[in-house]
Amino acid sequence: MTSSERRAAPGGHICWSYDDPESLADLAERHLAASLAAGERFWYVTPRPSDLVAERLRALPSFTDAVRRNAAAVVPLVSTYSPDHVVDPATQVAAYAAATDAALAAGHSGLRVVAEATELVRTPAQLDVFTRYEHLIDRYMRTRPFKAACAYHRLKLGDRAVSELACMHPRSNVEDLLFRLYAAPPADGHAALAGELDMSNHELFRTALDRADLRPTDGELVLSAADLRFVDHRALTHLAEYAHRRGATAVLRTPRSAAARLVDLLNLPGIRVEVTP
């Protein structure tokens, strides 16, 4: 992602790693502007309703006016996520689905959320279930008018935890993140792969696959890999083993014929590469 892309007011689902709260405040303001321009309802979800970002938003005339129209709000973290900070993925997706439906019923075009979610991923157990939730909510976003920017304080979590979160998003500002595994539109398969899979991240890839918990359809797990620039033998082996455990064939759709040649050389019967235009 280029610097201009990182500064753009993004739609969809983005992971935002920050060190300086000013960076988070800037992100929230850009999302607020994009949300109001699109006719969406906007929420800033925070564990501390009086934090710097909330105070900056409240100082904006556009935000104050939107609050009066019930088009924007600062929302406490405990009112949108589990009060014990351990998220149940399916329950949390259902909660945001209900909030999106409520926004539509009120005449908005959808719901957009900036969520400061650091407190939800402080322990290994929290991180495991929340990354599973990140993929599940990403699937929901493929078909419904819900957008989210998930913000994480890098200095509190560490680079490894941030990478585990960021790789489950289609977009991220994490500069050294090499690959992403995220939900694909229903017509394109079960998930999308982008970036590079090599010896430096094959363990992270295996973890991401497990957390995505992809379910076969008619004996196949289809991965759209149009933006996958490189894949090595370790990643292909992980993918074959993953599909085998689910009684399926992994179908990798990519314009790169080298992946097909590598699968043949490795004799991996659990993968079929479909070379696309």
Protein backbone atom coordinates (compact mmCIF):
# COMPACT_ATOMS: atom_id res chain seq x y z
CA MET A 1 0.00 0.00 0.00
CA THR A 2 1.41 3.35 -1.01
CA SER A 3 1.53 6.39 1.25
CA SER A 4 -1.32 7.97 -0.71
CA GLU A 5 -3.42 4.82 -0.25
CA ARG A 6 -2.70 4.83 3.47
CA ARG A 7 -3.97 8.39 3.75
CA ALA A 8 -7.07 7.88 1.62
CA ALA A 9 -10.43 7.59 3.38
CA PRO A 10 -10.85 3.85 2.73
CA GLY A 11 -14.00 1.85 2.46
CA GLY A 12 -14.48 -1.80 3.19
CA HIS A 13 -12.37 -3.38 5.92
CA ILE A 14 -8.99 -2.01 6.98
CA CYS A 15 -6.53 -2.80 9.77
CA TRP A 16 -4.90 0.34 11.16
CA SER A 17 -1.76 -0.07 13.27
CA TYR A 18 -0.73 3.08 15.11
CA ASP A 19 1.87 4.30 17.57
CA ASP A 20 0.70 7.91 17.88
CA PRO A 21 -2.94 8.64 18.88
CA GLU A 22 -2.87 11.51 16.37
CA SER A 23 -2.70 8.91 13.61
CA LEU A 24 -5.87 7.27 14.93
CA ALA A 25 -7.59 10.64 15.23
CA ASP A 26 -6.72 11.45 11.63
CA LEU A 27 -8.09 8.08 10.52
CA ALA A 28 -11.35 8.61 12.40
CA GLU A 29 -11.85 12.08 10.93
CA ARG A 30 -11.31 10.81 7.39
CA HIS A 31 -13.75 7.96 7.93
CA LEU A 32 -16.28 10.36 9.43
CA ALA A 33 -16.10 12.59 6.37
CA ALA A 34 -16.41 9.65 3.99
CA SER A 35 -19.28 8.20 5.99
CA LEU A 36 -21.31 11.41 6.08
CA ALA A 37 -20.70 11.97 2.37
CA ALA A 38 -22.03 8.47 1.65
CA GLY A 39 -25.11 8.91 3.84
CA GLU A 40 -23.98 6.24 6.29
CA ARG A 41 -24.32 6.12 10.06
CA PHE A 42 -20.91 6.51 11.72
CA TRP A 43 -19.70 5.07 15.02
CA TYR A 44 -16.40 5.64 16.77
CA VAL A 45 -16.04 2.71 19.19
CA THR A 46 -13.62 3.33 22.03
CA PRO A 47 -12.74 1.87 25.44
CA ARG A 48 -12.38 5.44 26.71
CA PRO A 49 -15.21 7.78 25.59
CA SER A 50 -13.18 10.82 26.70
CA ASP A 51 -10.04 9.93 24.73
CA LEU A 52 -8.24 12.26 22.35
CA VAL A 53 -10.02 10.96 19.26
CA ALA A 54 -13.48 11.31 20.77
CA GLU A 55 -12.74 14.84 21.92
CA ARG A 56 -11.47 15.83 18.48
CA LEU A 57 -14.54 14.38 16.81
CA ARG A 58 -16.87 16.20 19.20
CA ALA A 59 -15.13 19.47 18.30
CA LEU A 60 -16.02 19.05 14.63
CA PRO A 61 -19.19 20.88 13.52
CA SER A 62 -19.98 18.07 11.09
CA PHE A 63 -19.83 15.48 13.88
CA THR A 64 -21.93 17.59 16.27
CA ASP A 65 -24.59 18.01 13.62
CA ALA A 66 -24.49 14.32 12.76
CA VAL A 67 -24.96 13.38 16.42
CA ARG A 68 -28.10 15.55 16.54
CA ARG A 69 -29.43 13.67 13.50
CA ASN A 70 -28.48 10.29 15.02
CA ALA A 71 -26.07 9.83 12.14
CA ALA A 72 -22.94 9.61 14.32
CA ALA A 73 -21.97 8.61 17.83
CA VAL A 74 -19.08 7.86 20.17
CA VAL A 75 -19.87 4.37 21.39
CA PRO A 76 -18.31 2.69 24.46
CA LEU A 77 -16.48 -0.53 23.66
CA VAL A 78 -18.41 -2.48 26.31
CA SER A 79 -21.73 -1.67 24.63
CA THR A 80 -20.69 -3.18 21.29
CA TYR A 81 -18.42 -6.04 22.35
CA SER A 82 -18.52 -8.56 25.19
CA PRO A 83 -18.04 -6.80 28.56
CA ASP A 84 -15.41 -9.36 29.56
CA HIS A 85 -13.48 -8.53 26.37
CA VAL A 86 -13.65 -12.10 25.03
CA VAL A 87 -15.51 -12.00 21.73
CA ASP A 88 -17.73 -14.74 20.40
CA PRO A 89 -17.27 -14.35 16.62
CA ALA A 90 -20.75 -15.35 15.46
CA THR A 91 -22.47 -13.32 18.18
CA GLN A 92 -20.41 -10.24 17.38
CA VAL A 93 -21.17 -10.46 13.65
CA ALA A 94 -24.87 -10.77 14.50
CA ALA A 95 -24.64 -7.65 16.66
CA TYR A 96 -23.14 -5.58 13.85
CA ALA A 97 -25.64 -7.05 11.39
CA ALA A 98 -28.46 -5.84 13.64
CA ALA A 99 -26.84 -2.40 13.93
CA THR A 100 -26.49 -2.23 10.14
CA ASP A 101 -30.15 -3.15 9.69
CA ALA A 102 -31.11 -0.46 12.21
CA ALA A 103 -29.08 2.13 10.28
CA LEU A 104 -30.80 1.15 7.04
CA ALA A 105 -34.22 1.30 8.70
CA ALA A 106 -33.41 4.84 9.87
CA GLY A 107 -32.75 5.91 6.30
CA HIS A 108 -28.96 5.66 6.20
CA SER A 109 -27.11 3.90 3.40
CA GLY A 110 -25.22 1.66 5.81
CA LEU A 111 -23.03 1.63 8.90
CA ARG A 112 -19.35 2.55 9.18
CA VAL A 113 -17.32 1.89 12.34
CA VAL A 114 -13.88 2.95 13.51
CA ALA A 115 -13.12 0.65 16.46
CA GLU A 116 -10.14 0.99 18.79
CA ALA A 117 -9.93 -2.73 19.58
CA THR A 118 -6.57 -3.06 21.33
CA GLU A 119 -8.16 -4.11 24.62
CA LEU A 120 -9.88 -7.02 22.88
CA VAL A 121 -6.64 -8.73 21.80
CA ARG A 122 -4.26 -8.34 24.75
CA THR A 123 -3.99 -12.08 25.56
CA PRO A 124 -3.24 -15.03 23.24
CA ALA A 125 -6.75 -16.41 23.78
CA GLN A 126 -8.32 -13.05 22.93
CA LEU A 127 -6.15 -12.70 19.85
CA ASP A 128 -7.08 -16.16 18.59
CA VAL A 129 -10.84 -15.63 18.77
CA PHE A 130 -10.71 -12.04 17.55
CA THR A 131 -8.77 -12.91 14.40
CA ARG A 132 -11.43 -15.55 13.73
CA TYR A 133 -14.04 -12.83 14.16
CA GLU A 134 -12.12 -10.52 11.81
CA HIS A 135 -12.48 -13.05 9.00
CA LEU A 136 -16.13 -13.74 9.78
CA ILE A 137 -17.07 -10.05 9.76
CA ASP A 138 -15.07 -9.64 6.55
CA ARG A 139 -17.38 -12.22 4.95
CA TYR A 140 -20.39 -10.26 6.15
CA MET A 141 -19.02 -7.09 4.52
CA ARG A 142 -18.86 -8.77 1.11
CA THR A 143 -22.66 -8.65 0.86
CA ARG A 144 -23.91 -6.00 3.29
CA PRO A 145 -23.37 -2.20 3.63
CA PHE A 146 -21.08 -2.37 6.65
CA LYS A 147 -17.53 -0.93 6.73
CA ALA A 148 -14.97 -1.03 9.50
CA ALA A 149 -11.54 0.30 10.36
CA CYS A 150 -10.03 -1.81 13.15
CA ALA A 151 -7.38 0.13 15.05
CA TYR A 152 -4.64 -1.48 17.14
CA HIS A 153 -1.90 0.13 19.24
CA ARG A 154 1.29 -1.48 17.98
CA LEU A 155 3.44 -0.55 20.98
CA LYS A 156 0.99 -2.28 23.34
CA LEU A 157 0.50 -5.41 21.22
CA GLY A 158 3.81 -5.94 19.45
CA ASP A 159 4.56 -6.50 15.78
CA ARG A 160 3.67 -10.21 15.73
CA ALA A 161 0.15 -9.72 17.10
CA VAL A 162 -0.48 -6.82 14.74
CA SER A 163 0.64 -8.96 11.79
CA GLU A 164 -1.72 -11.75 12.84
CA LEU A 165 -4.58 -9.25 12.79
CA ALA A 166 -3.55 -7.33 9.70
CA CYS A 167 -3.18 -10.39 7.48
CA MET A 168 -6.91 -11.12 7.94
CA HIS A 169 -7.87 -7.79 6.34
CA PRO A 170 -8.05 -6.86 2.65
CA ARG A 171 -6.32 -3.55 3.46
CA SER A 172 -3.78 -2.47 6.04
CA ASN A 173 -1.22 0.23 6.76
CA VAL A 174 1.30 -2.33 8.08
CA GLU A 175 4.26 -1.74 5.79
CA ASP A 176 6.11 -5.05 6.20
CA LEU A 177 3.03 -7.28 5.87
CA LEU A 178 3.75 -9.63 2.96
CA PHE A 179 0.42 -11.43 2.51
CA ARG A 180 -3.29 -11.10 3.21
CA LEU A 181 -6.02 -13.75 3.48
CA TYR A 182 -9.49 -12.27 3.39
CA ALA A 183 -13.07 -12.94 2.34
CA ALA A 184 -13.90 -13.02 -1.35
CA PRO A 185 -17.18 -11.95 -2.92
CA PRO A 186 -19.50 -14.99 -3.01
CA ALA A 187 -19.08 -15.46 -6.77
CA ASP A 188 -15.26 -15.53 -6.49
CA GLY A 189 -14.79 -18.40 -4.06
CA HIS A 190 -14.24 -18.93 -0.37
CA ALA A 191 -11.37 -16.48 0.23
CA ALA A 192 -8.81 -14.28 -1.50
CA LEU A 193 -5.03 -14.39 -1.24
CA ALA A 194 -2.79 -11.43 -2.00
CA GLY A 195 0.88 -10.54 -1.66
CA GLU A 196 3.74 -13.02 -1.22
CA LEU A 197 3.94 -16.35 0.61
CA ASP A 198 7.53 -17.37 1.33
CA MET A 199 9.71 -18.94 4.02
CA SER A 200 9.40 -15.84 6.24
CA ASN A 201 5.65 -16.10 6.73
CA HIS A 202 4.56 -19.70 6.12
CA GLU A 203 3.76 -20.25 9.82
CA LEU A 204 1.66 -17.09 9.88
CA PHE A 205 -0.12 -18.32 6.74
CA ARG A 206 -0.90 -21.65 8.38
CA THR A 207 -2.29 -19.85 11.42
CA ALA A 208 -4.38 -17.53 9.24
CA LEU A 209 -5.85 -20.49 7.34
CA ASP A 210 -6.85 -22.20 10.58
CA ARG A 211 -8.50 -19.05 11.87
CA ALA A 212 -10.36 -18.37 8.63
CA ASP A 213 -12.00 -21.79 9.06
CA LEU A 214 -12.99 -22.07 5.40
CA ARG A 215 -15.81 -24.52 4.68
CA PRO A 216 -15.78 -26.56 1.44
CA THR A 217 -18.53 -26.36 -1.17
CA ASP A 218 -19.04 -29.48 -3.30
CA GLY A 219 -15.68 -30.77 -2.13
CA GLU A 220 -13.71 -27.68 -3.07
CA LEU A 221 -12.09 -24.75 -1.30
CA VAL A 222 -11.68 -22.00 -3.88
CA LEU A 223 -9.08 -19.28 -3.30
CA SER A 224 -8.98 -16.26 -5.59
CA ALA A 225 -5.29 -15.43 -5.97
CA ALA A 226 -5.26 -12.81 -8.72
CA ASP A 227 -3.11 -10.56 -6.51
CA LEU A 228 -0.81 -13.28 -5.17
CA ARG A 229 2.62 -12.36 -6.56
CA PHE A 230 4.61 -15.32 -5.23
CA VAL A 231 3.96 -18.63 -3.46
CA ASP A 232 6.57 -21.15 -2.34
CA HIS A 233 6.41 -24.89 -1.71
CA ARG A 234 5.82 -24.54 2.05
CA ALA A 235 2.68 -22.46 1.58
CA LEU A 236 1.36 -24.85 -1.07
CA THR A 237 1.99 -27.80 1.24
CA HIS A 238 0.13 -26.05 4.07
CA LEU A 239 -2.76 -25.38 1.72
CA ALA A 240 -2.88 -29.00 0.55
CA GLU A 241 -2.84 -30.28 4.15
CA TYR A 242 -5.53 -27.79 5.15
CA ALA A 243 -7.82 -28.90 2.33
CA HIS A 244 -7.15 -32.58 3.09
CA ARG A 245 -8.22 -32.13 6.73
CA ARG A 246 -11.52 -30.77 5.41
CA GLY A 247 -12.00 -33.53 2.88
CA ALA A 248 -11.66 -31.09 0.00
CA THR A 249 -9.50 -30.05 -2.94
CA ALA A 250 -7.96 -26.58 -2.76
CA VAL A 251 -8.54 -24.68 -5.99
CA LEU A 252 -6.05 -21.85 -6.48
CA ARG A 253 -7.13 -19.39 -9.18
CA THR A 254 -4.16 -17.31 -10.29
CA PRO A 255 -2.77 -15.76 -13.49
CA ARG A 256 0.69 -17.11 -12.56
CA SER A 257 1.39 -20.42 -14.26
CA ALA A 258 4.48 -20.97 -12.08
CA ALA A 259 2.16 -22.06 -9.24
CA ALA A 260 0.73 -24.84 -11.42
CA ARG A 261 4.22 -26.05 -12.35
CA LEU A 262 5.27 -26.08 -8.70
CA VAL A 263 2.21 -28.11 -7.68
CA ASP A 264 3.07 -30.67 -10.39
CA LEU A 265 6.69 -30.86 -9.25
CA LEU A 266 5.65 -31.34 -5.63
CA ASN A 267 3.02 -33.93 -6.58
CA LEU A 268 0.35 -32.30 -4.42
CA PRO A 269 -2.93 -34.04 -5.33
CA GLY A 270 -4.86 -31.88 -2.85
CA ILE A 271 -4.43 -28.71 -4.94
CA ARG A 272 -5.67 -27.78 -8.39
CA VAL A 273 -4.30 -24.61 -9.93
CA GLU A 274 -6.56 -22.86 -12.41
CA VAL A 275 -4.51 -20.38 -14.45
CA THR A 276 -6.75 -17.41 -15.13
CA PRO A 277 -6.34 -14.64 -17.74
